[in-house]
Amino acid sequence: MLCACVVTFPSWRRQTQEKPTLLDLEETSIMADDFVTVDSGASATYPMQCSALRKNGFVMVKGRPCKIVEMSTSKTGKHGHAKVHLVGLDIFTQKKLEDICPSTHNMDVPNVTRKDYQVIDVSDGFLSLMDDNGETREDLRVPEGDLGKDIETRFNSGEQFMVSVMRAVGEEHVIGTKTMTS
């Protein structure tokens, strides 16, 4: 049985017309392995038909993850489909966004997760946090505005408290605080 294989090599090899060596093949495979991903492999969004979306659910509006606060459906006209009018609040910025789409079309719904962390330290504008498993992280900024002031006030008074962190489409933000119960 014959097998036809095509192997491409860097352009400098073609100019000299040399045959590739085993070392060249190893270098090529090492370069191909240099791209490493560090996620669970889950998609940031999944499709859902517009007519299946509900108030207080999540949807992507103009590329931003939003919580649906208002939703209305218009009847079909002489031509076309029923339309769904969505009003959503960006879950991170609280900015109001609107969209209209045919009820039979799909819209992207973000995978939204919420996790609570105990606050260990606040320094240089960053939070040092610990989860239920005892793992720590120090990559989240203290939020701006009243929430950030509340976190710093609670920490400076020596209070034991937790923060809620919401994650969607690659973004993470502190969205609230909770008093710890013993």
Protein backbone atom coordinates (compact mmCIF):
# COMPACT_ATOMS: atom_id res chain seq x y z
CA MET A 1 0.00 0.00 0.00
CA LEU A 2 1.32 3.44 -0.90
CA CYS A 3 0.79 6.57 1.18
CA ALA A 4 1.20 10.13 -0.09
CA CYS A 5 2.18 12.58 2.65
CA VAL A 6 2.77 16.30 2.30
CA VAL A 7 5.09 17.99 4.76
CA THR A 8 5.80 21.71 4.58
CA PHE A 9 8.99 23.24 5.89
CA PRO A 10 10.24 26.76 6.39
CA SER A 11 10.92 28.66 3.18
CA TRP A 12 14.71 28.72 3.74
CA ARG A 13 14.72 24.94 3.18
CA ARG A 14 13.12 25.30 -0.24
CA GLN A 15 15.79 27.75 -1.36
CA THR A 16 18.71 25.43 -0.55
CA GLN A 17 16.93 22.28 -1.83
CA GLU A 18 18.21 20.26 1.14
CA LYS A 19 16.30 17.30 2.45
CA PRO A 20 14.83 17.80 5.94
CA THR A 21 16.64 16.11 8.79
CA LEU A 22 15.12 14.49 11.86
CA LEU A 23 16.17 17.56 13.86
CA ASP A 24 14.15 19.80 11.52
CA LEU A 25 11.07 17.63 12.01
CA GLU A 26 11.46 17.80 15.81
CA GLU A 27 11.83 21.61 15.71
CA THR A 28 8.68 21.87 13.57
CA SER A 29 6.69 19.72 16.02
CA ILE A 30 7.98 21.72 19.01
CA MET A 31 6.87 24.96 17.34
CA ALA A 32 3.42 23.50 16.74
CA ASP A 33 3.15 22.57 20.44
CA ASP A 34 4.03 26.09 21.65
CA PHE A 35 0.38 27.16 21.61
CA VAL A 36 -1.15 26.18 24.93
CA THR A 37 -4.65 27.04 26.08
CA VAL A 38 -5.62 27.23 29.73
CA ASP A 39 -9.39 27.02 29.80
CA SER A 40 -11.93 24.29 30.34
CA GLY A 41 -12.74 24.17 26.65
CA ALA A 42 -16.27 25.43 27.24
CA SER A 43 -17.64 28.08 24.95
CA ALA A 44 -18.21 31.56 26.36
CA THR A 45 -21.74 31.60 24.86
CA TYR A 46 -24.37 29.23 23.52
CA PRO A 47 -27.22 29.88 21.06
CA MET A 48 -30.88 30.14 22.13
CA GLN A 49 -33.94 30.99 20.08
CA CYS A 50 -35.18 34.53 20.73
CA SER A 51 -38.67 33.34 21.63
CA ALA A 52 -37.20 31.09 24.38
CA LEU A 53 -35.44 33.95 26.20
CA ARG A 54 -37.05 35.10 29.45
CA LYS A 55 -36.99 38.14 31.72
CA ASN A 56 -34.18 37.95 34.33
CA GLY A 57 -32.23 35.62 32.01
CA PHE A 58 -28.98 36.51 30.29
CA VAL A 59 -28.30 37.39 26.64
CA MET A 60 -25.53 39.01 24.60
CA VAL A 61 -26.60 42.45 23.35
CA LYS A 62 -24.17 44.34 21.09
CA GLY A 63 -21.33 42.07 22.23
CA ARG A 64 -21.94 42.61 25.97
CA PRO A 65 -23.39 40.15 28.52
CA CYS A 66 -26.73 41.52 29.76
CA LYS A 67 -29.50 40.58 32.17
CA ILE A 68 -32.89 40.89 30.48
CA VAL A 69 -35.04 43.47 32.32
CA GLU A 70 -37.76 44.02 29.70
CA MET A 71 -39.02 41.91 26.87
CA SER A 72 -41.91 42.36 24.45
CA THR A 73 -43.05 40.55 21.32
CA SER A 74 -44.69 42.24 18.34
CA LYS A 75 -47.16 40.35 16.16
CA THR A 76 -46.23 39.22 12.69
CA GLY A 77 -46.98 41.74 10.02
CA LYS A 78 -47.99 41.15 6.44
CA HIS A 79 -44.43 40.01 5.74
CA GLY A 80 -41.86 38.52 8.05
CA HIS A 81 -41.64 37.12 11.54
CA ALA A 82 -42.77 38.23 14.97
CA LYS A 83 -40.10 40.47 16.48
CA VAL A 84 -38.76 40.37 20.04
CA HIS A 85 -37.70 43.66 21.63
CA LEU A 86 -35.12 43.11 24.40
CA VAL A 87 -33.93 45.60 26.99
CA GLY A 88 -30.95 44.45 29.04
CA LEU A 89 -28.55 45.80 31.64
CA ASP A 90 -24.87 45.04 31.12
CA ILE A 91 -24.02 42.78 34.07
CA PHE A 92 -20.70 44.54 34.66
CA THR A 93 -21.34 48.22 33.83
CA GLN A 94 -25.14 48.40 34.44
CA LYS A 95 -25.46 50.21 31.09
CA LYS A 96 -28.86 49.83 29.40
CA LEU A 97 -28.74 48.13 25.97
CA GLU A 98 -31.56 47.29 23.55
CA ASP A 99 -31.95 44.91 20.63
CA ILE A 100 -34.70 43.71 18.29
CA CYS A 101 -34.57 40.33 16.60
CA PRO A 102 -36.98 37.97 14.81
CA SER A 103 -38.46 35.49 17.30
CA THR A 104 -37.24 32.50 15.27
CA HIS A 105 -33.60 33.64 15.16
CA ASN A 106 -30.93 32.54 17.61
CA MET A 107 -29.18 34.88 20.01
CA ASP A 108 -26.04 34.17 22.00
CA VAL A 109 -26.51 33.55 25.72
CA PRO A 110 -23.39 33.99 27.89
CA ASN A 111 -22.26 31.31 30.33
CA VAL A 112 -22.40 33.31 33.57
CA THR A 113 -20.89 32.03 36.81
CA ARG A 114 -20.88 33.57 40.25
CA LYS A 115 -18.44 32.61 43.00
CA ASP A 116 -17.86 33.88 46.53
CA TYR A 117 -14.37 34.55 47.92
CA GLN A 118 -13.15 35.56 51.38
CA VAL A 119 -11.19 38.82 51.38
CA ILE A 120 -7.69 38.26 52.80
CA ASP A 121 -6.01 41.54 51.89
CA VAL A 122 -6.53 44.79 50.01
CA SER A 123 -3.37 46.49 48.73
CA ASP A 124 -2.29 48.64 45.78
CA GLY A 125 -5.81 48.55 44.34
CA PHE A 126 -5.94 44.74 44.16
CA LEU A 127 -7.84 42.20 46.24
CA SER A 128 -6.26 39.10 47.72
CA LEU A 129 -9.02 36.48 47.80
CA MET A 130 -9.46 32.88 49.00
CA ASP A 131 -12.10 30.43 47.77
CA ASP A 132 -13.79 27.51 49.59
CA ASN A 133 -10.92 25.17 48.68
CA GLY A 134 -8.29 27.47 50.23
CA GLU A 135 -6.89 28.54 46.87
CA THR A 136 -5.89 32.20 46.63
CA ARG A 137 -5.90 34.72 43.83
CA GLU A 138 -4.67 38.30 43.62
CA ASP A 139 -5.65 39.34 40.10
CA LEU A 140 -8.89 41.26 40.70
CA ARG A 141 -8.93 45.02 41.11
CA VAL A 142 -10.90 46.76 43.82
CA PRO A 143 -14.02 48.00 42.00
CA GLU A 144 -14.58 51.72 41.54
CA GLY A 145 -17.37 53.68 43.19
CA ASP A 146 -19.40 52.86 46.29
CA LEU A 147 -18.68 49.12 46.17
CA GLY A 148 -14.92 49.70 46.21
CA LYS A 149 -15.23 52.16 49.10
CA ASP A 150 -17.39 49.64 51.01
CA ILE A 151 -14.78 46.89 50.52
CA GLU A 152 -11.91 49.11 51.71
CA THR A 153 -13.92 50.39 54.72
CA ARG A 154 -14.88 46.85 55.78
CA PHE A 155 -11.32 45.58 55.36
CA ASN A 156 -9.76 48.51 57.26
CA SER A 157 -12.20 47.98 60.17
CA GLY A 158 -11.04 44.35 60.46
CA GLU A 159 -14.37 42.83 59.44
CA GLN A 160 -14.42 39.29 58.04
CA PHE A 161 -16.42 39.37 54.79
CA MET A 162 -16.77 37.85 51.35
CA VAL A 163 -17.08 39.29 47.86
CA SER A 164 -19.14 37.85 45.01
CA VAL A 165 -17.32 37.62 41.68
CA MET A 166 -19.25 37.28 38.43
CA ARG A 167 -17.59 35.82 35.34
CA ALA A 168 -18.85 35.92 31.75
CA VAL A 169 -17.22 36.02 28.28
CA GLY A 170 -13.70 36.24 29.71
CA GLU A 171 -14.45 39.12 32.09
CA GLU A 172 -14.56 38.97 35.89
CA HIS A 173 -15.76 41.67 38.24
CA VAL A 174 -16.61 41.97 41.91
CA ILE A 175 -20.35 42.64 42.06
CA GLY A 176 -21.14 42.63 45.79
CA THR A 177 -20.15 41.89 49.37
CA LYS A 178 -21.50 39.51 52.02
CA THR A 179 -20.97 39.37 55.76
CA MET A 180 -19.43 36.05 56.81
CA THR A 181 -21.48 33.88 59.17
CA SER A 182 -19.76 31.56 61.63
